[in-house]
Amino acid sequence: MLVLDFEKPLYEIEERINNLKEMASSKGIDVLKEIEALEKKKNEIIKSEFENLTVDKIIKIARHPNRPYTLDYVNQIVQDFTEVHGDRLFADDKAIVCGFGYIDNQKVAVIGHQKGKNTKDNLYRNFGMANPEGYRKTQRVMKLAEKFNIPIITFVDTPGAYPGIGAEERGQSEAIARNLYVMFETEVPIIVVVTGEGGSGGALAIASGDRIGMLEFSIYGVISPEGCSSILWRDTEHSVDAAEAMHVTSKDLYELGIIDEIIQEPLGGAHRDYKQAANNVKDFIVRNLKELKSLNKKKLIEKRWKKWREMTTQFL
């Protein structure tokens, strides 16, 4: 498991706590006071390290390979999930997962980027970077959801759409643009959750919804910090400066009105407690879904268009 530099003291204390617990279990020694002291110290470290994280640390957490991805959230909060494969035009893109299931008793369509937990899995998932067929698969699922009046939930976590030659030949830009068109016209509620890294049009293609929530330590921007740095400074060494200038953190984007809510993460980040992270995401989805379902189709579309017009025109 990858441990970030600023997480090391935390994991060292947790290892000592586990060793003490094993000792107490095997030898019957009372180490309760020692464990309590270490737990207190651990909470102090978490508070000091994670209350005011710098942008570079937030980016590292957002890209943490142990962070939960779409299927992790599906496994925690969606029941009877059935995956839908293929765009019926070219292929089944493994970088995007689509399907139908239930959150509590509400049927939902689920769409989300899927990264891998290791090198082999990342190659299979193309590091969460979708090809045109991935976005066309999402269009197929969104239209099915609209036909049967099923709300749509999307999970955003990608560095961007795949920029390969084959993707461009098969119409990457058209596929993304078509997604935006479909999402603005779809007559069912759309709830978006940015779970890790929301990069460029590859993220926006499944993020044009009625409510946008962003996990506390995720990032979201028009381009990756490294990409911005390479354009402006001709190298990637200024990626932190680029990230600060673009305001990619959840706090910045909430203050700018780009997102509707910051979803709190478990102490130390979502990768430390999948269940709690998923419960927090579920709470955001359920609350907003209840409100959006009360709107008729005409009002839903009107409010969605108004939301995005106000969001975009404020920067003109």
Protein backbone atom coordinates (compact mmCIF):
# COMPACT_ATOMS: atom_id res chain seq x y z
CA MET A 1 0.00 0.00 0.00
CA LEU A 2 1.30 3.43 -0.94
CA VAL A 3 1.92 5.75 2.01
CA LEU A 4 2.41 9.43 1.24
CA ASP A 5 5.27 11.26 2.99
CA PHE A 6 3.01 13.26 5.28
CA GLU A 7 1.03 10.11 6.16
CA LYS A 8 4.04 8.16 7.48
CA PRO A 9 3.81 9.32 11.12
CA LEU A 10 0.15 8.32 11.10
CA TYR A 11 0.81 4.80 9.83
CA GLU A 12 3.72 4.35 12.24
CA ILE A 13 1.44 5.10 15.19
CA GLU A 14 -1.25 2.77 13.83
CA GLU A 15 1.33 0.00 13.51
CA ARG A 16 2.35 0.51 17.15
CA ILE A 17 -1.32 0.40 18.20
CA ASN A 18 -1.86 -2.86 16.31
CA ASN A 19 1.27 -4.36 17.88
CA LEU A 20 0.03 -3.44 21.35
CA LYS A 21 -3.37 -4.97 20.62
CA GLU A 22 -1.74 -8.20 19.46
CA MET A 23 0.41 -8.25 22.56
CA ALA A 24 -2.63 -7.74 24.79
CA SER A 25 -4.48 -10.52 22.98
CA SER A 26 -1.65 -13.07 23.04
CA LYS A 27 -0.11 -12.34 26.43
CA GLY A 28 -3.03 -10.88 28.35
CA ILE A 29 -1.18 -7.65 29.16
CA ASP A 30 -3.20 -4.53 30.00
CA VAL A 31 -2.07 -1.87 27.51
CA LEU A 32 -5.29 0.15 27.40
CA LYS A 33 -3.70 3.38 28.64
CA GLU A 34 -0.87 3.13 26.12
CA ILE A 35 -3.34 2.54 23.28
CA GLU A 36 -5.51 5.47 24.38
CA ALA A 37 -2.46 7.74 24.44
CA LEU A 38 -1.45 6.64 20.96
CA GLU A 39 -5.00 7.06 19.64
CA LYS A 40 -5.03 10.60 21.02
CA LYS A 41 -1.70 11.33 19.36
CA LYS A 42 -2.96 9.85 16.09
CA ASN A 43 -6.01 12.12 16.10
CA GLU A 44 -3.79 15.12 16.81
CA ILE A 45 -1.59 14.24 13.81
CA ILE A 46 -4.62 13.82 11.55
CA LYS A 47 -6.02 17.15 12.70
CA SER A 48 -2.75 19.02 12.24
CA GLU A 49 -1.94 17.46 8.86
CA PHE A 50 -5.36 17.38 7.22
CA GLU A 51 -7.14 20.51 8.46
CA ASN A 52 -5.20 22.91 6.25
CA LEU A 53 -3.66 20.84 3.47
CA THR A 54 -1.64 22.61 0.80
CA VAL A 55 -2.65 22.19 -2.84
CA ASP A 56 0.21 19.80 -3.62
CA LYS A 57 -0.87 17.48 -0.79
CA ILE A 58 -4.52 17.59 -1.88
CA ILE A 59 -3.47 16.59 -5.41
CA LYS A 60 -1.52 13.62 -4.01
CA ILE A 61 -4.53 12.46 -2.00
CA ALA A 62 -6.90 12.95 -4.95
CA ARG A 63 -4.65 10.66 -7.03
CA HIS A 64 -3.94 8.15 -4.26
CA PRO A 65 -4.03 4.65 -5.83
CA ASN A 66 -5.84 3.26 -2.77
CA ARG A 67 -8.61 5.83 -3.07
CA PRO A 68 -12.07 4.33 -3.73
CA TYR A 69 -13.17 4.35 -7.37
CA THR A 70 -16.60 3.98 -8.97
CA LEU A 71 -16.94 0.23 -8.43
CA ASP A 72 -15.90 0.63 -4.79
CA TYR A 73 -18.77 3.07 -4.26
CA VAL A 74 -21.12 0.83 -6.21
CA ASN A 75 -20.20 -2.13 -4.00
CA GLN A 76 -20.90 -0.08 -0.87
CA ILE A 77 -24.10 1.80 -1.70
CA VAL A 78 -25.74 0.29 -4.81
CA GLN A 79 -27.74 -2.92 -4.59
CA ASP A 80 -28.37 -5.37 -7.44
CA PHE A 81 -26.01 -3.54 -9.78
CA THR A 82 -26.08 -4.80 -13.36
CA GLU A 83 -23.35 -3.46 -15.63
CA VAL A 84 -24.09 -2.40 -19.21
CA HIS A 85 -21.34 -3.01 -21.77
CA GLY A 86 -20.55 -1.50 -25.15
CA ASP A 87 -21.64 1.50 -27.18
CA ARG A 88 -23.21 -0.62 -29.97
CA LEU A 89 -20.91 1.15 -32.42
CA PHE A 90 -17.31 0.13 -31.78
CA ALA A 91 -16.34 -1.46 -28.45
CA ASP A 92 -16.76 -1.62 -24.69
CA ASP A 93 -14.53 0.97 -23.01
CA LYS A 94 -13.25 -0.34 -19.66
CA ALA A 95 -12.30 3.17 -18.47
CA ILE A 96 -15.98 3.95 -17.86
CA VAL A 97 -18.40 1.76 -15.93
CA CYS A 98 -22.15 2.02 -16.57
CA GLY A 99 -25.11 0.13 -15.22
CA PHE A 100 -28.34 0.08 -13.25
CA GLY A 101 -29.09 -0.73 -9.65
CA TYR A 102 -30.81 0.51 -6.50
CA ILE A 103 -29.84 2.98 -3.79
CA ASP A 104 -32.15 1.95 -0.98
CA ASN A 105 -35.41 1.42 -2.93
CA GLN A 106 -34.69 3.96 -5.67
CA LYS A 107 -33.65 2.61 -9.05
CA VAL A 108 -30.69 4.55 -10.46
CA ALA A 109 -28.42 4.59 -13.49
CA VAL A 110 -24.74 4.69 -12.51
CA ILE A 111 -21.97 6.09 -14.72
CA GLY A 112 -18.39 6.56 -13.60
CA HIS A 113 -14.71 6.58 -14.50
CA GLN A 114 -12.83 3.52 -13.31
CA LYS A 115 -9.10 3.50 -12.63
CA GLY A 116 -7.02 0.49 -11.61
CA LYS A 117 -5.51 -0.41 -8.24
CA ASN A 118 -2.27 -1.71 -9.76
CA THR A 119 -0.32 -1.52 -13.03
CA LYS A 120 -2.10 -4.46 -14.67
CA ASP A 121 -5.53 -3.16 -13.72
CA ASN A 122 -4.62 0.38 -14.79
CA LEU A 123 -3.61 -0.86 -18.23
CA TYR A 124 -6.93 -2.72 -18.46
CA ARG A 125 -8.81 0.44 -17.40
CA ASN A 126 -6.57 2.76 -19.47
CA PHE A 127 -5.85 4.74 -16.28
CA GLY A 128 -9.45 5.98 -16.24
CA MET A 129 -9.05 7.83 -19.54
CA ALA A 130 -12.02 7.08 -21.76
CA ASN A 131 -12.10 6.69 -25.54
CA PRO A 132 -15.06 7.94 -27.63
CA GLU A 133 -16.78 4.58 -27.26
CA GLY A 134 -16.79 5.10 -23.49
CA TYR A 135 -18.67 8.36 -23.79
CA ARG A 136 -21.03 6.87 -26.36
CA LYS A 137 -21.71 4.06 -23.92
CA THR A 138 -22.74 6.66 -21.34
CA GLN A 139 -25.06 8.28 -23.88
CA ARG A 140 -26.72 4.94 -24.44
CA VAL A 141 -27.26 4.47 -20.70
CA MET A 142 -28.49 8.06 -20.18
CA LYS A 143 -31.07 7.65 -22.92
CA LEU A 144 -32.23 4.36 -21.41
CA ALA A 145 -32.49 6.04 -18.02
CA GLU A 146 -34.57 8.85 -19.50
CA LYS A 147 -36.85 6.38 -21.30
CA PHE A 148 -37.67 4.59 -18.05
CA ASN A 149 -37.60 7.70 -15.83
CA ILE A 150 -34.55 6.59 -13.83
CA PRO A 151 -32.30 9.21 -12.11
CA ILE A 152 -28.63 9.28 -13.15
CA ILE A 153 -25.67 9.24 -10.75
CA THR A 154 -22.18 9.92 -12.11
CA PHE A 155 -18.79 9.45 -10.45
CA VAL A 156 -16.01 11.60 -11.90
CA ASP A 157 -12.37 10.55 -11.56
CA THR A 158 -10.12 10.95 -14.61
CA PRO A 159 -7.03 12.93 -15.61
CA GLY A 160 -8.83 13.57 -18.90
CA ALA A 161 -10.19 11.89 -22.01
CA TYR A 162 -7.71 9.62 -23.79
CA PRO A 163 -5.67 11.72 -26.29
CA GLY A 164 -4.51 8.88 -28.55
CA ILE A 165 -4.60 8.96 -32.35
CA GLY A 166 -7.26 6.24 -32.50
CA ALA A 167 -9.49 8.18 -30.11
CA GLU A 168 -9.19 11.30 -32.24
CA GLU A 169 -9.90 9.32 -35.42
CA ARG A 170 -13.07 7.90 -33.87
CA GLY A 171 -14.33 11.36 -32.88
CA GLN A 172 -13.27 12.07 -29.31
CA SER A 173 -14.30 15.74 -29.36
CA GLU A 174 -17.67 14.95 -30.98
CA ALA A 175 -18.38 12.25 -28.40
CA ILE A 176 -17.68 14.63 -25.52
CA ALA A 177 -19.72 17.42 -27.11
CA ARG A 178 -22.60 15.02 -27.72
CA ASN A 179 -22.49 13.98 -24.06
CA LEU A 180 -22.90 17.60 -22.99
CA TYR A 181 -25.87 17.97 -25.33
CA VAL A 182 -27.50 14.78 -24.04
CA MET A 183 -27.01 15.71 -20.39
CA PHE A 184 -28.52 19.18 -20.81
CA GLU A 185 -31.60 17.71 -22.54
CA THR A 186 -32.12 14.58 -20.40
CA GLU A 187 -35.42 14.82 -18.51
CA VAL A 188 -34.37 12.95 -15.37
CA PRO A 189 -32.36 14.17 -12.34
CA ILE A 190 -28.58 14.01 -12.72
CA ILE A 191 -26.37 13.99 -9.63
CA VAL A 192 -22.59 14.30 -10.04
CA VAL A 193 -19.92 13.30 -7.53
CA VAL A 194 -16.28 14.23 -8.15
CA THR A 195 -14.49 11.49 -6.23
CA GLY A 196 -10.84 12.00 -7.13
CA GLU A 197 -9.47 13.87 -10.11
CA GLY A 198 -11.77 15.73 -12.47
CA GLY A 199 -9.72 16.65 -15.50
CA SER A 200 -10.77 18.65 -18.58
CA GLY A 201 -13.54 17.65 -21.00
CA GLY A 202 -13.05 14.02 -20.06
CA ALA A 203 -14.56 14.85 -16.69
CA LEU A 204 -17.08 17.45 -17.86
CA ALA A 205 -18.54 14.91 -20.31
CA ILE A 206 -20.26 13.13 -17.40
CA ALA A 207 -20.38 16.06 -14.97
CA SER A 208 -23.06 18.35 -16.43
CA GLY A 209 -25.71 17.65 -13.84
CA ASP A 210 -28.31 19.25 -11.58
CA ARG A 211 -26.28 18.84 -8.40
CA ILE A 212 -22.49 18.59 -8.19
CA GLY A 213 -20.81 17.33 -5.05
CA MET A 214 -17.08 17.09 -4.59
CA LEU A 215 -15.21 14.97 -2.10
CA GLU A 216 -13.19 17.11 0.28
CA PHE A 217 -9.75 16.09 -1.01
CA SER A 218 -10.57 15.79 -4.71
CA ILE A 219 -9.60 18.21 -7.50
CA TYR A 220 -11.46 19.50 -10.55
CA GLY A 221 -10.16 21.68 -13.35
CA VAL A 222 -10.14 22.56 -17.04
CA ILE A 223 -6.77 20.82 -17.43
CA SER A 224 -4.39 18.87 -15.21
CA PRO A 225 -1.93 21.02 -13.21
CA GLU A 226 0.94 19.37 -15.10
CA GLY A 227 -0.70 20.10 -18.45
CA CYS A 228 -1.25 23.72 -17.53
CA SER A 229 2.34 24.05 -16.33
CA SER A 230 3.72 22.53 -19.53
CA ILE A 231 1.77 25.06 -21.62
CA LEU A 232 2.56 28.17 -19.58
CA TRP A 233 6.08 27.38 -18.34
CA ARG A 234 7.19 24.76 -20.90
CA ASP A 235 7.79 22.22 -18.13
CA THR A 236 5.86 20.47 -15.34
CA GLU A 237 7.87 21.90 -12.44
CA HIS A 238 5.31 24.65 -11.86
CA SER A 239 2.32 22.32 -11.52
CA VAL A 240 1.59 23.49 -7.97
CA ASP A 241 1.60 27.13 -9.11
CA ALA A 242 -0.75 26.14 -11.93
CA ALA A 243 -3.08 24.31 -9.52
CA GLU A 244 -3.24 27.31 -7.21
CA ALA A 245 -3.97 29.64 -10.13
CA MET A 246 -6.73 27.38 -11.46
CA HIS A 247 -8.41 26.97 -8.02
CA VAL A 248 -8.83 23.21 -8.36
CA THR A 249 -9.68 22.32 -4.74
CA SER A 250 -13.19 21.67 -3.44
CA LYS A 251 -13.02 24.70 -1.14
CA ASP A 252 -12.07 27.03 -4.00
CA LEU A 253 -14.70 25.66 -6.36
CA TYR A 254 -17.44 25.82 -3.74
CA GLU A 255 -16.62 29.48 -3.08
CA LEU A 256 -16.73 30.15 -6.84
CA GLY A 257 -20.12 28.47 -7.15
CA ILE A 258 -18.89 25.74 -9.51
CA ILE A 259 -19.96 22.94 -7.17
CA ASP A 260 -22.97 22.73 -4.86
CA GLU A 261 -21.52 20.89 -1.90
CA ILE A 262 -18.28 19.63 -0.36
CA ILE A 263 -18.66 16.02 0.76
CA GLN A 264 -16.66 15.44 3.91
CA GLU A 265 -14.12 12.63 3.86
CA PRO A 266 -13.18 10.31 6.73
CA LEU A 267 -10.25 11.40 8.89
CA GLY A 268 -7.13 11.09 6.77
CA GLY A 269 -8.95 10.77 3.45
CA ALA A 270 -11.41 8.46 1.68
CA HIS A 271 -8.72 5.81 1.11
CA ARG A 272 -8.56 5.19 4.88
CA ASP A 273 -12.23 4.29 5.31
CA TYR A 274 -14.21 3.18 2.23
CA LYS A 275 -17.40 2.56 4.18
CA GLN A 276 -17.57 6.00 5.77
CA ALA A 277 -16.63 7.71 2.49
CA ALA A 278 -19.39 5.80 0.70
CA ASN A 279 -21.94 6.63 3.41
CA ASN A 280 -21.14 10.33 3.08
CA VAL A 281 -21.52 10.11 -0.70
CA LYS A 282 -24.79 8.22 -0.32
CA ASP A 283 -26.15 10.88 2.03
CA PHE A 284 -25.38 13.57 -0.56
CA ILE A 285 -27.07 11.56 -3.32
CA VAL A 286 -30.20 10.66 -1.34
CA ARG A 287 -30.78 14.20 -0.03
CA ASN A 288 -30.46 15.85 -3.42
CA LEU A 289 -32.35 13.14 -5.26
CA LYS A 290 -35.34 13.64 -2.99
CA GLU A 291 -35.42 17.36 -3.85
CA LEU A 292 -34.87 16.90 -7.59
CA LYS A 293 -37.55 14.22 -7.92
CA SER A 294 -40.12 16.73 -6.69
CA LEU A 295 -39.59 18.87 -9.81
CA ASN A 296 -41.53 18.27 -13.01
CA LYS A 297 -39.50 17.66 -16.18
CA LYS A 298 -39.88 21.18 -17.54
CA LYS A 299 -38.78 22.79 -14.29
CA LEU A 300 -35.86 20.36 -13.96
CA ILE A 301 -34.47 21.27 -17.39
CA GLU A 302 -35.03 25.00 -16.80
CA LYS A 303 -33.14 24.94 -13.50
CA ARG A 304 -30.29 22.92 -15.02
CA TRP A 305 -29.86 25.39 -17.90
CA LYS A 306 -30.06 28.35 -15.52
CA LYS A 307 -27.49 26.81 -13.20
CA TRP A 308 -24.94 26.29 -15.97
CA ARG A 309 -25.59 29.65 -17.66
CA GLU A 310 -24.95 31.47 -14.38
CA MET A 311 -21.89 29.35 -13.73
CA THR A 312 -20.30 30.11 -17.09
CA THR A 313 -21.34 33.75 -17.57
CA GLN A 314 -19.90 34.90 -14.23
CA PHE A 315 -16.38 34.54 -15.67
CA LEU A 316 -17.02 36.36 -18.96
